[in-house]
Amino acid sequence: MFALFLTALLVVTAVAVAGVLADSGLRWWSAFGALRRELKGETVQLLPALRPATSLEKHSAFGRCGAIGTVGVKVSRAA
């Protein structure tokens, strides 16, 4: 019975590791693809507009306050 549990634990761990490695690999593939296109002189697709940052004046970042401030720096691409 313990051998069955150990085998199942090993299989679940292997599936989790494969998923993490596949996700990381796809992220690297996408980043280097964008870098290759940029080095060739092609235009690289920009990120969609991000949510504005919350103001740190009168409330915490986790509250639902109506006053939202924006930061002057704009992000164009993910790292």
PDB file of N, CA and C in Angstrom:
ATOM      1  N   MET A   1       0.829  -1.195   0.000  1.00  0.00           N
ATOM      2  CA  MET A   1       0.000   0.000   0.000  1.00  0.00           C
ATOM      3  C   MET A   1       0.873   1.258   0.000  1.00  0.00           C
ATOM      4  N   PHE A   2       1.957   1.209   0.791  1.00  0.00           N
ATOM      5  CA  PHE A   2       2.861   2.353   0.824  1.00  0.00           C
ATOM      6  C   PHE A   2       3.535   2.572  -0.529  1.00  0.00           C
ATOM      7  N   ALA A   3       3.843   1.487  -1.223  1.00  0.00           N
ATOM      8  CA  ALA A   3       4.469   1.594  -2.544  1.00  0.00           C
ATOM      9  C   ALA A   3       3.518   2.266  -3.535  1.00  0.00           C
ATOM     10  N   LEU A   4       2.240   1.976  -3.445  1.00  0.00           N
ATOM     11  CA  LEU A   4       1.254   2.610  -4.321  1.00  0.00           C
ATOM     12  C   LEU A   4       1.164   4.111  -4.033  1.00  0.00           C
ATOM     13  N   PHE A   5       1.156   4.476  -2.760  1.00  0.00           N
ATOM     14  CA  PHE A   5       1.136   5.881  -2.375  1.00  0.00           C
ATOM     15  C   PHE A   5       2.388   6.596  -2.864  1.00  0.00           C
ATOM     16  N   LEU A   6       3.546   5.963  -2.696  1.00  0.00           N
ATOM     17  CA  LEU A   6       4.807   6.561  -3.125  1.00  0.00           C
ATOM     18  C   LEU A   6       4.850   6.729  -4.641  1.00  0.00           C
ATOM     19  N   THR A   7       4.346   5.768  -5.374  1.00  0.00           N
ATOM     20  CA  THR A   7       4.293   5.854  -6.834  1.00  0.00           C
ATOM     21  C   THR A   7       3.353   6.964  -7.278  1.00  0.00           C
ATOM     22  N   ALA A   8       2.200   7.053  -6.637  1.00  0.00           N
ATOM     23  CA  ALA A   8       1.250   8.119  -6.985  1.00  0.00           C
ATOM     24  C   ALA A   8       1.844   9.490  -6.671  1.00  0.00           C
ATOM     25  N   LEU A   9       2.532   9.614  -5.556  1.00  0.00           N
ATOM     26  CA  LEU A   9       3.183  10.873  -5.192  1.00  0.00           C
ATOM     27  C   LEU A   9       4.260  11.240  -6.207  1.00  0.00           C
ATOM     28  N   LEU A  10       5.016  10.267  -6.656  1.00  0.00           N
ATOM     29  CA  LEU A  10       6.047  10.496  -7.662  1.00  0.00           C
ATOM     30  C   LEU A  10       5.435  10.949  -8.990  1.00  0.00           C
ATOM     31  N   VAL A  11       4.334  10.335  -9.391  1.00  0.00           N
ATOM     32  CA  VAL A  11       3.671  10.705 -10.645  1.00  0.00           C
ATOM     33  C   VAL A  11       3.105  12.123 -10.560  1.00  0.00           C
ATOM     34  N   VAL A  12       2.474  12.475  -9.454  1.00  0.00           N
ATOM     35  CA  VAL A  12       1.923  13.817  -9.278  1.00  0.00           C
ATOM     36  C   VAL A  12       3.038  14.858  -9.283  1.00  0.00           C
ATOM     37  N   THR A  13       4.140  14.542  -8.624  1.00  0.00           N
ATOM     38  CA  THR A  13       5.283  15.456  -8.604  1.00  0.00           C
ATOM     39  C   THR A  13       5.862  15.628 -10.001  1.00  0.00           C
ATOM     40  N   ALA A  14       5.973  14.550 -10.759  1.00  0.00           N
ATOM     41  CA  ALA A  14       6.505  14.620 -12.125  1.00  0.00           C
ATOM     42  C   ALA A  14       5.597  15.455 -13.028  1.00  0.00           C
ATOM     43  N   VAL A  15       4.293  15.327 -12.883  1.00  0.00           N
ATOM     44  CA  VAL A  15       3.356  16.123 -13.677  1.00  0.00           C
ATOM     45  C   VAL A  15       3.474  17.595 -13.322  1.00  0.00           C
ATOM     46  N   ALA A  16       3.598  17.904 -12.043  1.00  0.00           N
ATOM     47  CA  ALA A  16       3.746  19.297 -11.613  1.00  0.00           C
ATOM     48  C   ALA A  16       5.047  19.896 -12.141  1.00  0.00           C
ATOM     49  N   VAL A  17       6.125  19.145 -12.056  1.00  0.00           N
ATOM     50  CA  VAL A  17       7.417  19.627 -12.553  1.00  0.00           C
ATOM     51  C   VAL A  17       7.354  19.838 -14.062  1.00  0.00           C
ATOM     52  N   ALA A  18       6.740  18.927 -14.784  1.00  0.00           N
ATOM     53  CA  ALA A  18       6.622  19.072 -16.237  1.00  0.00           C
ATOM     54  C   ALA A  18       5.801  20.311 -16.593  1.00  0.00           C
ATOM     55  N   GLY A  19       4.753  20.575 -15.849  1.00  0.00           N
ATOM     56  CA  GLY A  19       3.945  21.767 -16.111  1.00  0.00           C
ATOM     57  C   GLY A  19       4.707  23.054 -15.870  1.00  0.00           C
ATOM     58  N   VAL A  20       5.464  23.095 -14.780  1.00  0.00           N
ATOM     59  CA  VAL A  20       6.255  24.297 -14.468  1.00  0.00           C
ATOM     60  C   VAL A  20       7.335  24.508 -15.516  1.00  0.00           C
ATOM     61  N   LEU A  21       8.017  23.440 -15.898  1.00  0.00           N
ATOM     62  CA  LEU A  21       9.065  23.566 -16.909  1.00  0.00           C
ATOM     63  C   LEU A  21       8.499  23.963 -18.268  1.00  0.00           C
ATOM     64  N   ALA A  22       7.340  23.436 -18.625  1.00  0.00           N
ATOM     65  CA  ALA A  22       6.723  23.804 -19.896  1.00  0.00           C
ATOM     66  C   ALA A  22       6.320  25.275 -19.894  1.00  0.00           C
ATOM     67  N   ASP A  23       5.755  25.751 -18.792  1.00  0.00           N
ATOM     68  CA  ASP A  23       5.365  27.154 -18.695  1.00  0.00           C
ATOM     69  C   ASP A  23       6.589  28.062 -18.790  1.00  0.00           C
ATOM     70  N   SER A  24       7.640  27.722 -18.075  1.00  0.00           N
ATOM     71  CA  SER A  24       8.863  28.521 -18.117  1.00  0.00           C
ATOM     72  C   SER A  24       9.471  28.501 -19.515  1.00  0.00           C
ATOM     73  N   GLY A  25       9.470  27.350 -20.148  1.00  0.00           N
ATOM     74  CA  GLY A  25      10.015  27.241 -21.499  1.00  0.00           C
ATOM     75  C   GLY A  25       9.251  28.093 -22.496  1.00  0.00           C
ATOM     76  N   LEU A  26       7.928  28.105 -22.385  1.00  0.00           N
ATOM     77  CA  LEU A  26       7.125  28.925 -23.287  1.00  0.00           C
ATOM     78  C   LEU A  26       7.369  30.412 -23.057  1.00  0.00           C
ATOM     79  N   ARG A  27       7.558  30.805 -21.802  1.00  0.00           N
ATOM     80  CA  ARG A  27       7.857  32.209 -21.506  1.00  0.00           C
ATOM     81  C   ARG A  27       9.204  32.617 -22.100  1.00  0.00           C
ATOM     82  N   TRP A  28      10.222  31.764 -21.943  1.00  0.00           N
ATOM     83  CA  TRP A  28      11.531  32.055 -22.529  1.00  0.00           C
ATOM     84  C   TRP A  28      11.436  32.107 -24.051  1.00  0.00           C
ATOM     85  N   TRP A  29      10.717  31.163 -24.663  1.00  0.00           N
ATOM     86  CA  TRP A  29      10.556  31.113 -26.117  1.00  0.00           C
ATOM     87  C   TRP A  29       9.916  32.399 -26.623  1.00  0.00           C
ATOM     88  N   SER A  30       8.892  32.865 -25.927  1.00  0.00           N
ATOM     89  CA  SER A  30       8.207  34.087 -26.322  1.00  0.00           C
ATOM     90  C   SER A  30       9.116  35.303 -26.167  1.00  0.00           C
ATOM     91  N   ALA A  31       9.853  35.373 -25.071  1.00  0.00           N
ATOM     92  CA  ALA A  31      10.735  36.515 -24.831  1.00  0.00           C
ATOM     93  C   ALA A  31      11.845  36.571 -25.867  1.00  0.00           C
ATOM     94  N   PHE A  32      12.453  35.439 -26.173  1.00  0.00           N
ATOM     95  CA  PHE A  32      13.519  35.445 -27.164  1.00  0.00           C
ATOM     96  C   PHE A  32      12.977  35.645 -28.567  1.00  0.00           C
ATOM     97  N   GLY A  33      11.753  35.206 -28.829  1.00  0.00           N
ATOM     98  CA  GLY A  33      11.133  35.487 -30.125  1.00  0.00           C
ATOM     99  C   GLY A  33      10.922  36.976 -30.319  1.00  0.00           C
ATOM    100  N   ALA A  34      10.450  37.651 -29.277  1.00  0.00           N
ATOM    101  CA  ALA A  34      10.266  39.099 -29.355  1.00  0.00           C
ATOM    102  C   ALA A  34      11.613  39.798 -29.526  1.00  0.00           C
ATOM    103  N   LEU A  35      12.641  39.303 -28.846  1.00  0.00           N
ATOM    104  CA  LEU A  35      13.979  39.892 -28.975  1.00  0.00           C
ATOM    105  C   LEU A  35      14.518  39.705 -30.388  1.00  0.00           C
ATOM    106  N   ARG A  36      14.319  38.527 -30.966  1.00  0.00           N
ATOM    107  CA  ARG A  36      14.768  38.286 -32.339  1.00  0.00           C
ATOM    108  C   ARG A  36      14.065  39.217 -33.315  1.00  0.00           C
ATOM    109  N   ARG A  37      12.742  39.385 -33.137  1.00  0.00           N
ATOM    110  CA  ARG A  37      12.001  40.290 -34.027  1.00  0.00           C
ATOM    111  C   ARG A  37      12.476  41.727 -33.865  1.00  0.00           C
ATOM    112  N   GLU A  38      12.765  42.124 -32.633  1.00  0.00           N
ATOM    113  CA  GLU A  38      13.223  43.485 -32.379  1.00  0.00           C
ATOM    114  C   GLU A  38      14.601  43.718 -32.991  1.00  0.00           C
ATOM    115  N   LEU A  39      15.487  42.721 -32.901  1.00  0.00           N
ATOM    116  CA  LEU A  39      16.825  42.865 -33.480  1.00  0.00           C
ATOM    117  C   LEU A  39      16.790  42.887 -34.997  1.00  0.00           C
ATOM    118  N   LYS A  40      15.803  42.233 -35.605  1.00  0.00           N
ATOM    119  CA  LYS A  40      15.649  42.264 -37.060  1.00  0.00           C
ATOM    120  C   LYS A  40      15.089  43.597 -37.539  1.00  0.00           C
ATOM    121  N   GLY A  41      14.568  44.387 -36.610  1.00  0.00           N
ATOM    122  CA  GLY A  41      14.008  45.679 -36.985  1.00  0.00           C
ATOM    123  C   GLY A  41      12.504  45.665 -37.141  1.00  0.00           C
ATOM    124  N   GLU A  42      11.878  44.536 -36.880  1.00  0.00           N
ATOM    125  CA  GLU A  42      10.428  44.463 -36.971  1.00  0.00           C
ATOM    126  C   GLU A  42       9.803  45.113 -35.743  1.00  0.00           C
ATOM    127  N   THR A  43       8.562  45.491 -35.860  1.00  0.00           N
ATOM    128  CA  THR A  43       7.873  46.074 -34.709  1.00  0.00           C
ATOM    129  C   THR A  43       7.405  44.956 -33.785  1.00  0.00           C
ATOM    130  N   VAL A  44       7.587  45.167 -32.502  1.00  0.00           N
ATOM    131  CA  VAL A  44       7.182  44.190 -31.488  1.00  0.00           C
ATOM    132  C   VAL A  44       5.866  44.665 -30.893  1.00  0.00           C
ATOM    133  N   GLN A  45       4.921  43.755 -30.757  1.00  0.00           N
ATOM    134  CA  GLN A  45       3.613  44.100 -30.230  1.00  0.00           C
ATOM    135  C   GLN A  45       3.725  44.559 -28.779  1.00  0.00           C
ATOM    136  N   LEU A  46       3.097  45.675 -28.459  1.00  0.00           N
ATOM    137  CA  LEU A  46       3.161  46.238 -27.119  1.00  0.00           C
ATOM    138  C   LEU A  46       2.173  45.560 -26.191  1.00  0.00           C
ATOM    139  N   LEU A  47       2.410  45.714 -24.905  1.00  0.00           N
ATOM    140  CA  LEU A  47       1.498  45.172 -23.903  1.00  0.00           C
ATOM    141  C   LEU A  47       0.204  45.976 -23.871  1.00  0.00           C
ATOM    142  N   PRO A  48      -0.887  45.358 -23.473  1.00  0.00           N
ATOM    143  CA  PRO A  48      -2.116  46.139 -23.285  1.00  0.00           C
ATOM    144  C   PRO A  48      -1.959  47.096 -22.107  1.00  0.00           C
ATOM    145  N   ALA A  49      -2.822  48.078 -22.023  1.00  0.00           N
ATOM    146  CA  ALA A  49      -2.747  49.056 -20.943  1.00  0.00           C
ATOM    147  C   ALA A  49      -2.920  48.358 -19.598  1.00  0.00           C
ATOM    148  N   LEU A  50      -2.052  48.690 -18.663  1.00  0.00           N
ATOM    149  CA  LEU A  50      -2.110  48.089 -17.328  1.00  0.00           C
ATOM    150  C   LEU A  50      -3.005  48.917 -16.416  1.00  0.00           C
ATOM    151  N   ARG A  51      -3.477  48.307 -15.331  1.00  0.00           N
ATOM    152  CA  ARG A  51      -4.284  49.042 -14.356  1.00  0.00           C
ATOM    153  C   ARG A  51      -3.457  50.142 -13.720  1.00  0.00           C
ATOM    154  N   PRO A  52      -4.044  51.284 -13.446  1.00  0.00           N
ATOM    155  CA  PRO A  52      -3.281  52.347 -12.791  1.00  0.00           C
ATOM    156  C   PRO A  52      -2.929  51.962 -11.350  1.00  0.00           C
ATOM    157  N   ALA A  53      -1.817  52.487 -10.891  1.00  0.00           N
ATOM    158  CA  ALA A  53      -1.391  52.213  -9.518  1.00  0.00           C
ATOM    159  C   ALA A  53      -2.280  52.969  -8.546  1.00  0.00           C
ATOM    160  N   THR A  54      -2.409  52.442  -7.344  1.00  0.00           N
ATOM    161  CA  THR A  54      -3.241  53.112  -6.342  1.00  0.00           C
ATOM    162  C   THR A  54      -2.448  54.210  -5.662  1.00  0.00           C
ATOM    163  N   SER A  55      -3.144  55.210  -5.192  1.00  0.00           N
ATOM    164  CA  SER A  55      -2.520  56.318  -4.489  1.00  0.00           C
ATOM    165  C   SER A  55      -2.175  55.886  -3.074  1.00  0.00           C
ATOM    166  N   LEU A  56      -1.042  56.344  -2.579  1.00  0.00           N
ATOM    167  CA  LEU A  56      -0.615  55.955  -1.229  1.00  0.00           C
ATOM    168  C   LEU A  56      -0.940  57.032  -0.195  1.00  0.00           C
ATOM    169  N   GLU A  57      -1.828  57.962  -0.522  1.00  0.00           N
ATOM    170  CA  GLU A  57      -2.077  59.099   0.355  1.00  0.00           C
ATOM    171  C   GLU A  57      -2.925  58.748   1.575  1.00  0.00           C
ATOM    172  N   LYS A  58      -4.175  58.298   1.391  1.00  0.00           N
ATOM    173  CA  LYS A  58      -5.102  58.153   2.509  1.00  0.00           C
ATOM    174  C   LYS A  58      -5.612  56.738   2.725  1.00  0.00           C
ATOM    175  N   HIS A  59      -5.207  55.805   1.913  1.00  0.00           N
ATOM    176  CA  HIS A  59      -5.742  54.458   2.054  1.00  0.00           C
ATOM    177  C   HIS A  59      -4.676  53.437   1.695  1.00  0.00           C
ATOM    178  N   SER A  60      -4.924  52.208   2.080  1.00  0.00           N
ATOM    179  CA  SER A  60      -3.976  51.149   1.744  1.00  0.00           C
ATOM    180  C   SER A  60      -4.211  50.696   0.308  1.00  0.00           C
ATOM    181  N   ALA A  61      -3.264  49.995  -0.231  1.00  0.00           N
ATOM    182  CA  ALA A  61      -3.355  49.521  -1.609  1.00  0.00           C
ATOM    183  C   ALA A  61      -4.413  48.433  -1.760  1.00  0.00           C
ATOM    184  N   PHE A  62      -4.850  47.840  -0.635  1.00  0.00           N
ATOM    185  CA  PHE A  62      -5.804  46.744  -0.716  1.00  0.00           C
ATOM    186  C   PHE A  62      -7.248  47.192  -0.508  1.00  0.00           C
ATOM    187  N   GLY A  63      -7.452  48.439  -0.148  1.00  0.00           N
ATOM    188  CA  GLY A  63      -8.808  48.929   0.072  1.00  0.00           C
ATOM    189  C   GLY A  63      -9.508  49.278  -1.234  1.00  0.00           C
ATOM    190  N   ARG A  64     -10.821  49.447  -1.174  1.00  0.00           N
ATOM    191  CA  ARG A  64     -11.591  49.854  -2.348  1.00  0.00           C
ATOM    192  C   ARG A  64     -11.930  51.323  -2.205  1.00  0.00           C
ATOM    193  N   CYS A  65     -10.980  52.153  -2.566  1.00  0.00           N
ATOM    194  CA  CYS A  65     -11.135  53.592  -2.448  1.00  0.00           C
ATOM    195  C   CYS A  65     -11.410  54.166  -3.840  1.00  0.00           C
ATOM    196  N   GLY A  66     -12.191  55.237  -3.905  1.00  0.00           N
ATOM    197  CA  GLY A  66     -12.525  55.836  -5.192  1.00  0.00           C
ATOM    198  C   GLY A  66     -11.401  56.639  -5.800  1.00  0.00           C
ATOM    199  N   ALA A  67     -10.498  57.170  -4.988  1.00  0.00           N
ATOM    200  CA  ALA A  67      -9.404  58.000  -5.498  1.00  0.00           C
ATOM    201  C   ALA A  67      -8.240  57.124  -5.911  1.00  0.00           C
ATOM    202  N   ILE A  68      -7.986  57.073  -7.202  1.00  0.00           N
ATOM    203  CA  ILE A  68      -6.880  56.274  -7.718  1.00  0.00           C
ATOM    204  C   ILE A  68      -5.919  57.200  -8.445  1.00  0.00           C
ATOM    205  N   GLY A  69      -4.669  57.173  -8.042  1.00  0.00           N
ATOM    206  CA  GLY A  69      -3.652  57.980  -8.705  1.00  0.00           C
ATOM    207  C   GLY A  69      -2.931  57.158  -9.756  1.00  0.00           C
ATOM    208  N   THR A  70      -2.317  57.809 -10.715  1.00  0.00           N
ATOM    209  CA  THR A  70      -1.583  57.101 -11.746  1.00  0.00           C
ATOM    210  C   THR A  70      -0.111  57.468 -11.646  1.00  0.00           C
ATOM    211  N   VAL A  71       0.699  56.581 -12.097  1.00  0.00           N
ATOM    212  CA  VAL A  71       2.131  56.789 -12.115  1.00  0.00           C
ATOM    213  C   VAL A  71       2.508  57.319 -13.487  1.00  0.00           C
ATOM    214  N   GLY A  72       3.479  58.242 -13.550  1.00  0.00           N
ATOM    215  CA  GLY A  72       3.864  58.857 -14.822  1.00  0.00           C
ATOM    216  C   GLY A  72       4.647  57.962 -15.748  1.00  0.00           C
ATOM    217  N   VAL A  73       5.167  56.837 -15.281  1.00  0.00           N
ATOM    218  CA  VAL A  73       5.970  55.965 -16.112  1.00  0.00           C
ATOM    219  C   VAL A  73       5.066  54.953 -16.805  1.00  0.00           C
ATOM    220  N   LYS A  74       5.277  54.770 -18.114  1.00  0.00           N
ATOM    221  CA  LYS A  74       4.468  53.797 -18.852  1.00  0.00           C
ATOM    222  C   LYS A  74       5.341  52.597 -19.221  1.00  0.00           C
ATOM    223  N   VAL A  75       4.778  51.397 -19.098  1.00  0.00           N
ATOM    224  CA  VAL A  75       5.487  50.180 -19.443  1.00  0.00           C
ATOM    225  C   VAL A  75       5.097  49.797 -20.854  1.00  0.00           C
ATOM    226  N   SER A  76       6.087  49.527 -21.696  1.00  0.00           N
ATOM    227  CA  SER A  76       5.764  49.165 -23.071  1.00  0.00           C
ATOM    228  C   SER A  76       5.929  47.675 -23.328  1.00  0.00           C
ATOM    229  N   ARG A  77       6.863  47.016 -22.646  1.00  0.00           N
ATOM    230  CA  ARG A  77       7.099  45.597 -22.869  1.00  0.00           C
ATOM    231  C   ARG A  77       7.385  44.907 -21.553  1.00  0.00           C
ATOM    232  N   ALA A  78       7.079  43.629 -21.491  1.00  0.00           N
ATOM    233  CA  ALA A  78       7.411  42.837 -20.303  1.00  0.00           C
ATOM    234  C   ALA A  78       8.882  42.445 -20.355  1.00  0.00           C
ATOM    235  N   ALA A  79       9.467  42.253 -19.208  1.00  0.00           N
ATOM    236  CA  ALA A  79      10.881  41.858 -19.151  1.00  0.00           C
ATOM    237  C   ALA A  79      11.030  40.395 -19.462  1.00  0.00           C
TER     238      ALA A  79
END
